[in-house]
Amino acid sequence: MRKKILLFAGLLFLSAACSSDDDAPGVEAPTLVKVVDQTVTRTGPNYENAVTTYWNYFGNRLESQSDSNGNQRIYTYDNIDIANIKTYLANGNLLRTEFFVYNPDGKLASNRIVSGSTEERHVYTHNTDNTITAQTFQSTTFGQNVLQSNTVIFLEDGEVVRTERTFVDGGLQINEFTYDGMKKPTANIAGFDKISFAFANTRERKGNLHNMTSDTETYMAPEPVVVPRTLTYDSEDYPLTIFNNSPFSSDRYKMEFTYMNIEL
């Protein structure tokens, strides 16, 4: 049965799946914890009102998101893996499509972002030393493959803790991430665990099991830029609020969450 869940704002993309055996006699039907409401308040210029987003599920798969501005995202799955995400504007025009391809081991091999005539492609190699290497290509005409950067992604306990991105012009961008030991509010939606490290993600898609608490970026500058995040939690260790305390006003916001259990 399809379930529609009401949430607020469209920043969040989510992770991981659970399975259940509903036929076992005498056993209570298992549930998934899902976000019901997410309110995002921005303090920077050009942000006035929160946006209401409706999330539509089929089982533990996210089918679509549509917001009060008329924008929409459509998710297509291949079994439990996300195959593509299409974003439409309120006028019905396709803004962009993100494609995901997986290797025989089920790990993300590449993702490709197409917007109009512009295409960006990221190719990943999963190494035995707990790192992922990535090559980024970009073109304005389909079929071209112009190398833009090479990146090393460092993992600890399944989380991205550091990225080192070297651009073809010699620039080096380093990001270091920290996490709490608590639960992500979005841990139970199929497919998002495999794409949490992918490029073009917002901070809200970063983190596989836990919530990001800071992002420190150094890019061709003597002083790093630190974006700390302050979180409060409920009695089950899920975040109730996340404050993104960026030094840049346009990147400051507060997210608020409420939860409910949904039976599959």
Protein backbone atom coordinates (compact mmCIF):
# COMPACT_ATOMS: atom_id res chain seq x y z
CA MET A 1 0.00 0.00 0.00
CA ARG A 2 1.32 3.41 -0.91
CA LYS A 3 1.82 5.86 1.95
CA LYS A 4 2.12 9.63 1.67
CA ILE A 5 4.10 11.38 4.37
CA LEU A 6 4.16 15.15 4.91
CA LEU A 7 7.52 16.84 5.44
CA PHE A 8 8.93 20.33 5.09
CA ALA A 9 11.70 21.56 2.75
CA GLY A 10 13.62 19.68 0.13
CA LEU A 11 17.19 19.46 1.35
CA LEU A 12 17.25 15.93 2.58
CA PHE A 13 18.14 12.73 0.74
CA LEU A 14 18.17 9.63 2.66
CA SER A 15 19.69 6.23 3.40
CA ALA A 16 19.43 2.42 4.06
CA ALA A 17 16.66 -0.17 4.13
CA CYS A 18 15.18 -2.68 6.56
CA SER A 19 13.47 -5.99 5.83
CA SER A 20 10.72 -7.87 7.64
CA ASP A 21 8.84 -11.12 7.86
CA ASP A 22 5.20 -10.19 8.40
CA ASP A 23 4.01 -13.80 8.31
CA ALA A 24 5.70 -14.98 11.52
CA PRO A 25 2.91 -15.96 13.93
CA GLY A 26 2.80 -14.22 17.26
CA VAL A 27 5.40 -11.63 16.25
CA GLU A 28 4.56 -7.95 16.22
CA ALA A 29 4.81 -6.50 12.71
CA PRO A 30 8.14 -4.63 12.35
CA THR A 31 8.12 -0.92 11.79
CA LEU A 32 10.38 1.66 10.19
CA VAL A 33 11.10 5.02 11.74
CA LYS A 34 10.54 7.73 9.11
CA VAL A 35 10.60 11.48 9.25
CA VAL A 36 7.11 12.95 9.23
CA ASP A 37 7.80 16.68 9.42
CA GLN A 38 10.97 18.56 8.50
CA THR A 39 10.90 22.34 8.75
CA VAL A 40 13.80 24.35 7.34
CA THR A 41 14.23 28.01 8.25
CA ARG A 42 16.95 29.99 6.46
CA THR A 43 18.30 33.28 7.77
CA GLY A 44 20.09 34.45 4.63
CA PRO A 45 18.81 36.80 1.91
CA ASN A 46 16.24 35.56 -0.60
CA TYR A 47 14.78 33.08 1.92
CA GLU A 48 11.48 34.06 3.45
CA ASN A 49 9.21 31.08 4.00
CA ALA A 50 9.62 27.39 4.69
CA VAL A 51 8.69 25.12 1.81
CA THR A 52 6.29 22.24 2.40
CA THR A 53 7.35 19.01 0.72
CA TYR A 54 5.17 15.90 0.41
CA TRP A 55 7.04 12.58 0.41
CA ASN A 56 5.40 9.60 -1.28
CA TYR A 57 6.59 6.08 -0.41
CA PHE A 58 6.00 2.61 -1.76
CA GLY A 59 7.12 0.34 1.07
CA ASN A 60 10.55 1.61 2.09
CA ARG A 61 11.25 3.19 -1.30
CA LEU A 62 10.90 6.91 -1.83
CA GLU A 63 8.82 7.44 -4.97
CA SER A 64 8.50 11.21 -5.19
CA GLN A 65 8.70 14.57 -3.47
CA SER A 66 6.55 17.55 -4.40
CA ASP A 67 6.70 20.91 -2.68
CA SER A 68 4.37 23.86 -2.19
CA ASN A 69 6.21 25.81 -4.88
CA GLY A 70 5.19 23.19 -7.42
CA ASN A 71 8.61 21.58 -7.85
CA GLN A 72 8.87 17.80 -7.93
CA ARG A 73 11.44 15.00 -7.72
CA ILE A 74 10.72 11.53 -9.11
CA TYR A 75 12.73 8.50 -7.96
CA THR A 76 13.19 5.38 -10.09
CA TYR A 77 14.55 2.18 -8.54
CA ASP A 78 16.20 -0.94 -9.90
CA ASN A 79 15.27 -3.45 -7.23
CA ILE A 80 16.51 -1.70 -4.03
CA ASP A 81 18.99 0.58 -5.79
CA ILE A 82 18.18 4.11 -6.93
CA ALA A 83 18.57 4.24 -10.71
CA ASN A 84 17.79 7.91 -11.30
CA ILE A 85 16.30 11.04 -9.75
CA LYS A 86 14.50 13.55 -11.95
CA THR A 87 13.81 17.11 -10.78
CA TYR A 88 10.99 19.10 -12.40
CA LEU A 89 10.18 22.77 -12.01
CA ALA A 90 6.68 24.05 -11.27
CA ASN A 91 6.07 24.71 -14.98
CA GLY A 92 6.73 21.04 -15.75
CA ASN A 93 10.15 21.57 -17.32
CA LEU A 94 12.81 19.02 -16.46
CA LEU A 95 15.55 20.78 -14.50
CA ARG A 96 17.98 17.91 -14.15
CA THR A 97 18.39 14.14 -14.01
CA GLU A 98 20.88 12.26 -11.86
CA PHE A 99 21.73 8.72 -12.99
CA PHE A 100 23.37 6.05 -10.80
CA VAL A 101 25.25 2.95 -12.01
CA TYR A 102 26.46 0.15 -9.70
CA ASN A 103 29.28 -2.39 -10.04
CA PRO A 104 28.83 -6.19 -9.73
CA ASP A 105 29.46 -5.92 -5.98
CA GLY A 106 26.48 -3.56 -5.65
CA LYS A 107 28.61 -0.49 -4.93
CA LEU A 108 28.16 2.84 -6.71
CA ALA A 109 30.35 2.86 -9.83
CA SER A 110 29.32 6.23 -11.26
CA ASN A 111 26.77 9.00 -11.10
CA ARG A 112 25.92 11.37 -13.91
CA ILE A 113 24.12 14.71 -13.58
CA VAL A 114 22.46 16.07 -16.73
CA SER A 115 20.99 19.57 -16.80
CA GLY A 116 20.01 20.90 -20.21
CA SER A 117 23.07 20.55 -22.47
CA THR A 118 25.48 20.31 -19.51
CA GLU A 119 26.61 16.97 -18.18
CA GLU A 120 28.82 16.12 -15.21
CA ARG A 121 29.98 12.56 -14.61
CA HIS A 122 31.75 11.03 -11.60
CA VAL A 123 33.45 7.63 -11.84
CA TYR A 124 34.36 5.77 -8.62
CA THR A 125 36.89 3.07 -7.76
CA HIS A 126 36.49 1.33 -4.41
CA ASN A 127 39.91 0.47 -2.96
CA THR A 128 41.01 -2.05 -0.34
CA ASP A 129 42.53 0.64 1.93
CA ASN A 130 39.17 2.15 2.93
CA THR A 131 39.31 4.87 0.29
CA ILE A 132 37.38 5.64 -2.87
CA THR A 133 39.02 7.40 -5.79
CA ALA A 134 36.86 9.50 -8.08
CA GLN A 135 37.33 11.15 -11.46
CA THR A 136 35.05 14.03 -12.47
CA PHE A 137 34.32 14.80 -16.13
CA GLN A 138 32.29 17.67 -17.51
CA SER A 139 30.98 18.69 -20.91
CA THR A 140 28.60 21.16 -22.53
CA THR A 141 28.04 18.86 -25.48
CA PHE A 142 27.01 15.27 -24.85
CA GLY A 143 29.70 12.77 -25.73
CA GLN A 144 32.62 14.88 -24.56
CA ASN A 145 34.69 13.77 -21.58
CA VAL A 146 36.77 16.63 -20.21
CA LEU A 147 38.56 15.72 -16.99
CA GLN A 148 37.93 18.32 -14.26
CA SER A 149 39.36 16.78 -11.10
CA ASN A 150 40.65 13.70 -9.27
CA THR A 151 39.46 13.05 -5.72
CA VAL A 152 40.40 10.70 -2.89
CA ILE A 153 37.55 9.95 -0.46
CA PHE A 154 38.64 8.65 2.96
CA LEU A 155 36.26 6.44 4.97
CA GLU A 156 36.09 5.51 8.64
CA ASP A 157 33.42 3.15 9.94
CA GLY A 158 31.41 3.69 6.77
CA GLU A 159 31.46 7.49 6.95
CA VAL A 160 33.31 9.96 4.70
CA VAL A 161 35.75 11.74 7.03
CA ARG A 162 37.95 13.52 4.47
CA THR A 163 38.06 14.32 0.76
CA GLU A 164 41.04 15.62 -1.21
CA ARG A 165 40.03 17.00 -4.61
CA THR A 166 42.75 18.04 -7.07
CA PHE A 167 41.58 20.13 -10.03
CA VAL A 168 43.28 20.05 -13.42
CA ASP A 169 44.35 23.68 -12.95
CA GLY A 170 46.33 22.67 -9.86
CA GLY A 171 43.83 23.78 -7.22
CA LEU A 172 43.39 21.57 -4.17
CA GLN A 173 40.19 21.44 -2.09
CA ILE A 174 40.22 19.52 1.19
CA ASN A 175 37.09 18.84 3.25
CA GLU A 176 37.06 17.18 6.65
CA PHE A 177 33.82 15.94 8.22
CA THR A 178 32.88 14.98 11.76
CA TYR A 179 29.81 13.07 12.95
CA ASP A 180 27.86 12.36 16.10
CA GLY A 181 27.19 8.85 17.38
CA MET A 182 23.42 9.23 16.99
CA LYS A 183 20.89 8.02 14.43
CA LYS A 184 20.21 9.71 11.13
CA PRO A 185 16.57 10.75 10.80
CA THR A 186 16.46 9.17 7.34
CA ALA A 187 18.13 5.83 7.97
CA ASN A 188 15.38 3.55 6.68
CA ILE A 189 14.72 4.49 3.06
CA ALA A 190 16.08 2.09 0.47
CA GLY A 191 19.05 2.99 -1.66
CA PHE A 192 20.41 6.12 -0.05
CA ASP A 193 23.16 4.36 1.91
CA LYS A 194 24.91 3.55 -1.39
CA ILE A 195 24.92 7.13 -2.72
CA SER A 196 25.67 9.08 0.46
CA PHE A 197 29.28 9.78 -0.62
CA ALA A 198 28.41 10.73 -4.21
CA PHE A 199 29.27 14.12 -5.67
CA ALA A 200 26.68 16.87 -6.05
CA ASN A 201 25.22 15.92 -2.68
CA THR A 202 24.07 18.47 -0.15
CA ARG A 203 25.34 18.20 3.39
CA GLU A 204 22.06 16.49 4.22
CA ARG A 205 22.96 13.48 2.08
CA LYS A 206 26.38 13.20 3.67
CA GLY A 207 26.65 10.64 6.41
CA ASN A 208 25.64 7.02 6.14
CA LEU A 209 24.76 6.03 9.70
CA HIS A 210 25.21 9.23 11.69
CA ASN A 211 24.64 12.99 11.45
CA MET A 212 27.32 15.39 10.29
CA THR A 213 28.43 17.82 13.00
CA SER A 214 30.99 19.88 11.04
CA ASP A 215 32.45 20.46 7.59
CA THR A 216 35.88 22.11 7.42
CA GLU A 217 36.93 23.21 3.94
CA THR A 218 40.33 24.40 2.76
CA TYR A 219 40.67 25.62 -0.82
CA MET A 220 43.72 27.61 -1.94
CA ALA A 221 43.50 29.77 1.18
CA PRO A 222 45.60 29.98 4.35
CA GLU A 223 42.62 29.69 6.69
CA PRO A 224 40.04 26.89 6.48
CA VAL A 225 36.32 27.63 6.51
CA VAL A 226 34.51 25.76 9.28
CA VAL A 227 30.78 25.08 9.08
CA PRO A 228 29.72 23.73 12.51
CA ARG A 229 26.35 22.12 13.13
CA THR A 230 24.54 22.04 16.46
CA LEU A 231 22.05 19.24 17.09
CA THR A 232 19.46 18.37 19.73
CA TYR A 233 18.01 14.87 20.09
CA ASP A 234 14.95 13.00 21.28
CA SER A 235 14.93 10.13 23.78
CA GLU A 236 15.72 7.61 21.02
CA ASP A 237 18.79 9.51 19.79
CA TYR A 238 17.21 10.93 16.63
CA PRO A 239 17.88 14.64 15.95
CA LEU A 240 15.05 17.04 16.73
CA THR A 241 16.86 20.13 15.42
CA ILE A 242 19.95 20.75 13.33
CA PHE A 243 21.44 24.25 13.15
CA ASN A 244 23.79 24.81 10.21
CA ASN A 245 25.97 27.61 11.59
CA SER A 246 27.79 28.67 8.44
CA PRO A 247 29.91 31.84 8.48
CA PHE A 248 28.09 32.73 5.24
CA SER A 249 24.57 34.05 5.81
CA SER A 250 23.17 32.39 2.68
CA ASP A 251 24.14 28.96 4.07
CA ARG A 252 22.63 29.30 7.55
CA TYR A 253 19.50 27.36 8.36
CA LYS A 254 17.67 25.40 11.02
CA MET A 255 15.95 22.06 10.48
CA GLU A 256 13.32 20.66 12.85
CA PHE A 257 12.08 17.07 12.84
CA THR A 258 9.23 14.98 14.18
CA TYR A 259 8.94 11.21 13.76
CA MET A 260 6.52 8.34 13.57
CA ASN A 261 6.73 4.59 13.03
CA ILE A 262 5.29 3.23 9.79
CA GLU A 263 4.49 -0.44 9.33
CA LEU A 264 5.61 -1.99 6.06
